[in-house]
Amino acid sequence: MWNTRYLFALSLLAASPALAWNHADSAAALQEALKTNDFTLVAFIHPTDPQTPLLEPEWTTLQTTNPSHITSIDCSLPPFHPLCASLAIHSFPTIRLYHSPSSPTHPNLNLTFTRYRGPRRSKPILSFLRRTLRSPSTPIQTITPSNTTSFLASDSVLFLAHFPADTTPAAARAAYEKVAYKYRDRYSFGVSFDAPKGAEARIECWNVPEDVQRSVAEGLDSEKVVEGFVRGCGGSLIPELTRRNEIGFYNSGKSLVHYFVRNDRERSEYVKEMLPLAKKYGEYLHFTTTDVNEYPDAVEMMGLKRGTRGLSVQTPGTGDVYPYTGKEQLTAHVVEMFLSDIIQGKVKPWQRPRRTEHEEL
């Protein structure tokens, strides 16, 4: 099938060299591709947007997998103004996966595209493509003993509903279907009807990167309960803080443990080291990472030197900030001792330098 062929091409991503932007030649060419291709992944960019340069190396690496189906549009160019406006592109970069009306992936859906909401890096985008292109017309796969193993190995975050055919309320199935459709671009969903007669309906979750496995059996007829379970288990314990999600963290009532990174390698190393700590103190603290290249001003706001990585603890309720100024390597033990010192009052809040009269002018 066509999607198997493209998924094989996508698997070559890790070995692909980075290129430069390779935008669509014309609006007419893109419109024709959207109508005729099984799928077209499009990045709508604007050179003046600060996030666009950060996406360029990630996108161009991804584009080497299949240039005819992965493209970009510079909405700042006059020939593309009408097209970007007609497609309701209001922010940059915007990434969408368009499906043709005859696509075997989504043959019966009214929606013509799936919006990508994840990190603007090649690997998460690749996972999004794999997940979306293998999905049938419904985002929920029917799981039987013969395909359970392959399903559990197919993604990093999966949800499997065990719905006994004789006892599961229709409301529970409807709630699960709605939530699965809403989060189909981020996670994989399955349903099994093989439970013994009279067994309790439940939903299981596996979050492989976080080493988390959970289940829920109460309130499954409530879409709010099911969505809360999906968000809670599917989300990262140490997420990447951005302008798009920061309000939720600041309004949570918890203190934030910020860590500023310069690349994915630093982020991965930090997350691996701090994951046990994030689990231990998850009730009281949010551990996050922030890209210093994308948000350089945030480093100084947290009492650290601009352009450097580092750790700082922030209490949104009081506005207090506690940058780590020690010389030791930031292991989980060192960070836990630093948090303990803050609680015991051994570390005083950072005092923001006062502006001079000249600077204020």
Protein backbone atom coordinates (compact mmCIF):
# COMPACT_ATOMS: atom_id res chain seq x y z
CA MET A 1 0.00 0.00 0.00
CA TRP A 2 1.08 3.59 -0.59
CA ASN A 3 1.44 4.44 3.11
CA THR A 4 3.79 1.49 3.70
CA ARG A 5 6.07 2.77 0.96
CA TYR A 6 6.18 6.26 2.41
CA LEU A 7 6.70 5.02 5.95
CA PHE A 8 9.73 3.13 4.72
CA ALA A 9 11.08 6.35 3.21
CA LEU A 10 10.45 8.18 6.47
CA SER A 11 12.53 5.61 8.32
CA LEU A 12 15.59 6.97 6.49
CA LEU A 13 15.28 10.32 8.28
CA ALA A 14 18.07 9.74 10.78
CA ALA A 15 20.65 9.33 8.02
CA SER A 16 19.46 12.22 5.87
CA PRO A 17 21.65 15.33 5.52
CA ALA A 18 20.32 18.80 6.23
CA LEU A 19 19.52 21.01 3.25
CA ALA A 20 18.17 24.53 2.81
CA TRP A 21 14.55 25.66 2.53
CA ASN A 22 12.99 24.21 -0.60
CA HIS A 23 9.70 26.10 -0.88
CA ALA A 24 6.89 25.26 -3.30
CA ASP A 25 7.38 26.89 -6.69
CA SER A 26 3.96 28.47 -6.87
CA ALA A 27 0.59 28.64 -5.17
CA ALA A 28 -0.95 26.77 -8.10
CA ALA A 29 1.54 23.93 -7.72
CA LEU A 30 0.75 23.57 -4.03
CA GLN A 31 -3.00 23.66 -4.62
CA GLU A 32 -2.66 20.92 -7.23
CA ALA A 33 -0.56 18.82 -4.85
CA LEU A 34 -3.13 19.19 -2.07
CA LYS A 35 -5.85 17.93 -4.41
CA THR A 36 -4.00 15.02 -5.98
CA ASN A 37 -1.44 13.69 -3.48
CA ASP A 38 -2.45 11.06 -0.96
CA PHE A 39 -0.89 13.37 1.60
CA THR A 40 1.09 16.60 1.63
CA LEU A 41 2.91 17.85 4.72
CA VAL A 42 3.19 21.64 4.57
CA ALA A 43 5.06 24.14 6.73
CA PHE A 44 3.79 27.70 6.39
CA ILE A 45 6.58 30.04 7.45
CA HIS A 46 7.41 33.74 7.66
CA PRO A 47 11.05 34.88 7.75
CA THR A 48 10.42 37.53 10.40
CA ASP A 49 9.00 35.03 12.89
CA PRO A 50 11.71 34.10 15.45
CA GLN A 51 10.79 30.42 15.38
CA THR A 52 11.13 30.03 11.61
CA PRO A 53 14.98 29.89 11.53
CA LEU A 54 14.88 27.22 14.25
CA LEU A 55 12.53 25.07 12.16
CA GLU A 56 14.62 25.31 8.97
CA PRO A 57 17.26 22.63 9.68
CA GLU A 58 14.64 20.30 11.18
CA TRP A 59 12.25 20.71 8.26
CA THR A 60 14.82 20.43 5.52
CA THR A 61 16.20 17.24 7.06
CA LEU A 62 12.69 15.82 7.14
CA GLN A 63 12.03 16.92 3.56
CA THR A 64 14.80 14.69 2.22
CA THR A 65 12.59 11.67 2.95
CA ASN A 66 10.08 12.54 0.22
CA PRO A 67 10.41 15.97 -1.42
CA SER A 68 7.28 15.54 -3.54
CA HIS A 69 5.05 15.16 -0.45
CA ILE A 70 6.79 17.43 2.06
CA THR A 71 7.03 21.11 1.23
CA SER A 72 6.91 24.62 2.64
CA ILE A 73 5.43 28.00 1.81
CA ASP A 74 6.87 31.45 2.50
CA CYS A 75 3.74 33.43 3.31
CA SER A 76 5.70 36.70 3.24
CA LEU A 77 5.97 36.54 -0.56
CA PRO A 78 3.18 38.41 -2.41
CA PRO A 79 2.27 35.49 -4.74
CA PHE A 80 1.39 33.39 -1.69
CA HIS A 81 -0.57 36.01 0.27
CA PRO A 82 -4.00 34.96 -1.11
CA LEU A 83 -3.27 31.26 -0.61
CA CYS A 84 -2.12 31.66 3.00
CA ALA A 85 -5.14 33.85 3.73
CA SER A 86 -7.56 31.38 2.12
CA LEU A 87 -6.11 28.55 4.23
CA ALA A 88 -6.52 30.63 7.43
CA ILE A 89 -2.82 30.72 8.29
CA HIS A 90 -2.66 33.16 11.19
CA SER A 91 0.56 32.18 13.00
CA PHE A 92 4.00 30.92 12.05
CA PRO A 93 5.29 28.37 11.66
CA THR A 94 2.08 26.39 11.03
CA ILE A 95 2.45 22.72 10.09
CA ARG A 96 -0.40 20.75 8.55
CA LEU A 97 -0.75 17.32 7.00
CA TYR A 98 -3.25 17.57 4.14
CA HIS A 99 -5.16 14.54 2.85
CA SER A 100 -6.67 14.27 -0.61
CA PRO A 101 -10.43 13.53 -0.75
CA SER A 102 -9.67 10.02 -2.01
CA SER A 103 -6.94 9.28 0.53
CA PRO A 104 -7.22 5.73 1.95
CA THR A 105 -6.06 7.15 5.26
CA HIS A 106 -9.08 9.41 5.73
CA PRO A 107 -11.65 8.46 3.05
CA ASN A 108 -14.76 9.44 4.99
CA LEU A 109 -13.70 12.49 7.01
CA ASN A 110 -14.85 16.00 6.31
CA LEU A 111 -11.57 17.47 7.58
CA THR A 112 -8.99 17.96 4.85
CA PHE A 113 -5.94 18.28 7.10
CA THR A 114 -4.50 17.22 10.44
CA ARG A 115 -2.81 19.97 12.42
CA TYR A 116 0.59 19.26 13.95
CA ARG A 117 0.87 20.64 17.49
CA GLY A 118 4.06 19.06 18.77
CA PRO A 119 7.66 20.29 19.06
CA ARG A 120 9.04 21.76 15.85
CA ARG A 121 11.77 19.17 15.49
CA SER A 122 12.27 16.46 12.91
CA LYS A 123 11.88 13.41 15.16
CA PRO A 124 8.51 14.38 16.69
CA ILE A 125 7.25 15.39 13.24
CA LEU A 126 8.38 12.02 11.90
CA SER A 127 6.45 10.25 14.67
CA PHE A 128 3.40 12.35 13.85
CA LEU A 129 3.63 11.30 10.20
CA ARG A 130 4.00 7.63 10.98
CA ARG A 131 1.08 7.74 13.40
CA THR A 132 -1.24 9.62 11.11
CA LEU A 133 -0.45 7.79 7.88
CA ARG A 134 -0.98 4.33 9.31
CA SER A 135 -4.36 5.26 10.86
CA PRO A 136 -7.52 3.99 9.17
CA SER A 137 -10.61 6.16 8.82
CA THR A 138 -11.01 5.93 12.61
CA PRO A 139 -8.11 6.72 14.95
CA ILE A 140 -8.92 3.64 17.05
CA GLN A 141 -7.41 0.29 16.07
CA THR A 142 -9.23 -2.91 16.99
CA ILE A 143 -6.80 -4.99 19.04
CA THR A 144 -6.93 -8.79 19.25
CA PRO A 145 -4.45 -11.32 20.68
CA SER A 146 -2.87 -11.61 17.24
CA ASN A 147 -1.89 -7.93 16.92
CA THR A 148 -1.43 -6.85 20.56
CA THR A 149 2.36 -7.13 20.44
CA SER A 150 2.70 -5.11 17.23
CA PHE A 151 0.34 -2.43 18.58
CA LEU A 152 2.30 -2.01 21.82
CA ALA A 153 5.53 -1.65 19.82
CA SER A 154 4.10 0.85 17.35
CA ASP A 155 4.34 4.08 19.34
CA SER A 156 5.85 5.71 22.41
CA VAL A 157 2.49 6.58 24.01
CA LEU A 158 -0.48 4.24 23.61
CA PHE A 159 -3.97 3.85 25.03
CA LEU A 160 -5.92 0.59 24.98
CA ALA A 161 -9.57 0.44 26.04
CA HIS A 162 -10.83 -2.92 27.27
CA PHE A 163 -14.56 -2.79 26.59
CA PRO A 164 -16.51 -5.98 27.34
CA ALA A 165 -19.00 -6.22 24.52
CA ASP A 166 -21.90 -7.13 26.79
CA THR A 167 -21.52 -4.56 29.56
CA THR A 168 -19.78 -1.43 28.26
CA PRO A 169 -22.15 1.58 28.14
CA ALA A 170 -22.49 3.31 24.79
CA ALA A 171 -21.53 6.58 26.51
CA ALA A 172 -18.12 5.14 27.46
CA ARG A 173 -17.38 4.10 23.89
CA ALA A 174 -18.51 7.50 22.59
CA ALA A 175 -16.33 9.37 25.09
CA TYR A 176 -13.28 7.30 24.19
CA GLU A 177 -13.88 7.80 20.46
CA LYS A 178 -14.17 11.57 20.84
CA VAL A 179 -10.99 11.86 22.89
CA ALA A 180 -9.10 9.50 20.57
CA TYR A 181 -10.07 11.61 17.58
CA LYS A 182 -8.98 14.80 19.35
CA TYR A 183 -5.55 13.42 20.29
CA ARG A 184 -4.98 11.14 17.28
CA ASP A 185 -2.06 13.28 16.12
CA ARG A 186 -0.16 12.75 19.38
CA TYR A 187 -0.91 9.23 20.61
CA SER A 188 -2.05 5.80 19.38
CA PHE A 189 -5.40 4.38 20.46
CA GLY A 190 -6.74 0.84 20.46
CA VAL A 191 -9.81 -1.00 21.70
CA SER A 192 -10.24 -4.62 22.70
CA PHE A 193 -13.53 -6.49 23.06
CA ASP A 194 -11.92 -9.73 24.28
CA ALA A 195 -12.53 -9.19 28.00
CA PRO A 196 -14.44 -11.96 29.78
CA LYS A 197 -18.17 -11.58 30.14
CA GLY A 198 -19.02 -9.31 33.06
CA ALA A 199 -15.51 -7.87 33.32
CA GLU A 200 -15.04 -4.20 34.23
CA ALA A 201 -14.38 -1.75 31.43
CA ARG A 202 -11.04 0.04 31.73
CA ILE A 203 -8.50 2.06 29.75
CA GLU A 204 -4.80 1.33 29.98
CA CYS A 205 -1.96 3.71 29.10
CA TRP A 206 1.69 3.10 28.32
CA ASN A 207 4.03 6.09 28.22
CA VAL A 208 7.31 4.45 27.22
CA PRO A 209 9.67 7.49 27.46
CA GLU A 210 8.39 8.28 30.95
CA ASP A 211 8.33 4.61 32.05
CA VAL A 212 4.71 5.08 33.13
CA GLN A 213 1.85 2.58 32.96
CA ARG A 214 -1.58 3.52 34.31
CA SER A 215 -5.21 2.46 34.06
CA VAL A 216 -8.60 3.96 34.84
CA ALA A 217 -11.96 2.28 35.32
CA GLU A 218 -14.13 4.95 36.95
CA GLY A 219 -16.09 7.61 35.11
CA LEU A 220 -15.40 6.28 31.60
CA ASP A 221 -18.76 7.56 30.37
CA SER A 222 -17.46 11.12 30.94
CA GLU A 223 -15.47 12.67 28.12
CA LYS A 224 -13.86 15.02 30.66
CA VAL A 225 -12.59 12.08 32.75
CA VAL A 226 -11.23 10.22 29.73
CA GLU A 227 -9.52 13.33 28.37
CA GLY A 228 -8.00 14.07 31.75
CA PHE A 229 -6.58 10.54 31.88
CA VAL A 230 -5.17 10.86 28.36
CA ARG A 231 -3.57 14.23 29.05
CA GLY A 232 -2.19 13.10 32.40
CA CYS A 233 -0.62 9.88 31.18
CA GLY A 234 0.35 11.03 27.71
CA GLY A 235 2.06 14.24 28.68
CA SER A 236 5.71 14.44 29.59
CA LEU A 237 6.70 14.71 33.25
CA ILE A 238 9.39 17.14 32.10
CA PRO A 239 7.78 19.03 29.21
CA GLU A 240 9.26 21.72 27.02
CA LEU A 241 8.05 25.15 28.15
CA THR A 242 6.93 27.44 25.32
CA ARG A 243 4.85 30.57 24.84
CA ARG A 244 1.97 28.30 23.82
CA ASN A 245 1.79 26.29 27.04
CA GLU A 246 3.37 28.46 29.73
CA ILE A 247 0.09 29.91 31.02
CA GLY A 248 -1.12 26.48 32.08
CA PHE A 249 2.02 25.88 34.13
CA TYR A 250 2.01 29.32 35.73
CA ASN A 251 -1.66 28.94 36.71
CA SER A 252 -1.20 25.48 38.23
CA GLY A 253 -0.21 26.73 41.69
CA LYS A 254 3.03 24.75 41.59
CA SER A 255 6.59 26.04 41.57
CA LEU A 256 8.58 25.55 38.37
CA VAL A 257 12.02 24.03 38.07
CA HIS A 258 13.35 25.56 34.86
CA TYR A 259 16.25 24.06 32.97
CA PHE A 260 17.61 25.86 29.91
CA VAL A 261 19.10 23.77 27.11
CA ARG A 262 20.86 24.52 23.81
CA ASN A 263 20.02 21.35 21.89
CA ASP A 264 18.13 18.06 21.99
CA ARG A 265 21.11 16.17 23.38
CA GLU A 266 21.23 18.38 26.48
CA ARG A 267 17.46 18.09 26.88
CA SER A 268 17.53 14.28 26.64
CA GLU A 269 20.36 13.96 29.14
CA TYR A 270 18.62 16.23 31.64
CA VAL A 271 15.24 14.52 31.29
CA LYS A 272 16.80 11.09 31.78
CA GLU A 273 18.61 12.24 34.93
CA MET A 274 15.69 14.16 36.49
CA LEU A 275 12.78 11.88 35.64
CA PRO A 276 12.77 10.10 39.03
CA LEU A 277 12.82 13.48 40.76
CA ALA A 278 9.95 14.77 38.62
CA LYS A 279 7.90 11.72 39.59
CA LYS A 280 8.74 12.12 43.28
CA TYR A 281 7.79 15.79 43.50
CA GLY A 282 5.15 15.95 40.76
CA GLU A 283 2.46 16.95 43.24
CA TYR A 284 4.30 20.15 44.13
CA LEU A 285 6.68 20.99 41.28
CA HIS A 286 6.73 21.28 37.51
CA PHE A 287 10.06 20.30 35.98
CA THR A 288 10.43 21.91 32.55
CA THR A 289 13.01 22.57 29.86
CA THR A 290 13.31 25.68 27.71
CA ASP A 291 15.28 26.21 24.51
CA VAL A 292 17.72 29.11 25.07
CA ASN A 293 17.90 29.67 21.31
CA GLU A 294 14.16 30.12 21.01
CA TYR A 295 13.63 32.09 24.24
CA PRO A 296 16.91 33.87 25.07
CA ASP A 297 15.24 36.51 27.26
CA ALA A 298 13.81 33.86 29.59
CA VAL A 299 17.31 32.91 30.77
CA GLU A 300 18.02 36.37 32.17
CA MET A 301 14.53 36.61 33.66
CA MET A 302 15.38 33.52 35.72
CA GLY A 303 18.62 35.06 37.06
CA LEU A 304 21.00 33.25 34.74
CA LYS A 305 23.55 34.50 32.23
CA ARG A 306 22.11 35.12 28.77
CA GLY A 307 22.91 32.42 26.23
CA THR A 308 23.89 29.78 28.77
CA ARG A 309 22.17 26.70 30.05
CA GLY A 310 21.35 26.37 33.72
CA LEU A 311 18.70 25.71 36.34
CA SER A 312 16.44 28.08 38.20
CA VAL A 313 13.44 27.57 40.47
CA GLN A 314 10.48 29.94 40.22
CA THR A 315 7.48 30.39 42.52
CA PRO A 316 4.82 32.11 40.38
CA GLY A 317 2.64 32.92 43.40
CA THR A 318 5.28 35.15 44.99
CA GLY A 319 7.41 35.96 41.97
CA ASP A 320 10.50 34.62 43.74
CA VAL A 321 13.29 33.19 41.58
CA TYR A 322 16.15 30.99 42.82
CA PRO A 323 18.90 30.45 40.20
CA TYR A 324 21.33 27.63 40.91
CA THR A 325 24.80 29.15 41.28
CA GLY A 326 26.71 26.12 42.52
CA LYS A 327 29.64 24.58 40.65
CA GLU A 328 28.60 20.95 40.96
CA GLN A 329 27.24 18.95 38.04
CA LEU A 330 23.44 19.01 38.05
CA THR A 331 22.63 15.47 39.08
CA ALA A 332 19.27 14.51 40.57
CA HIS A 333 20.88 14.46 44.01
CA VAL A 334 22.35 17.95 43.63
CA VAL A 335 19.02 19.37 42.43
CA GLU A 336 17.12 17.69 45.28
CA MET A 337 19.54 19.21 47.83
CA PHE A 338 19.11 22.61 46.18
CA LEU A 339 15.32 22.30 46.44
CA SER A 340 15.67 21.33 50.09
CA ASP A 341 17.85 24.38 50.77
CA ILE A 342 15.22 26.64 49.21
CA ILE A 343 12.48 25.14 51.38
CA GLN A 344 14.61 25.58 54.51
CA GLY A 345 15.34 29.21 53.69
CA LYS A 346 19.05 28.63 53.12
CA VAL A 347 18.80 30.09 49.61
CA LYS A 348 17.50 33.63 49.27
CA PRO A 349 15.47 34.79 46.28
CA TRP A 350 17.41 36.40 43.46
CA GLN A 351 17.20 40.18 43.42
CA ARG A 352 16.68 41.55 39.94
CA PRO A 353 19.30 44.26 39.22
CA ARG A 354 17.86 47.74 39.35
CA ARG A 355 17.94 49.73 36.18
CA THR A 356 20.01 52.92 36.24
CA GLU A 357 18.41 56.20 35.29
CA HIS A 358 20.29 56.05 31.98
CA GLU A 359 18.96 52.57 31.19
CA GLU A 360 15.41 53.63 31.99
CA LEU A 361 15.67 56.44 29.51
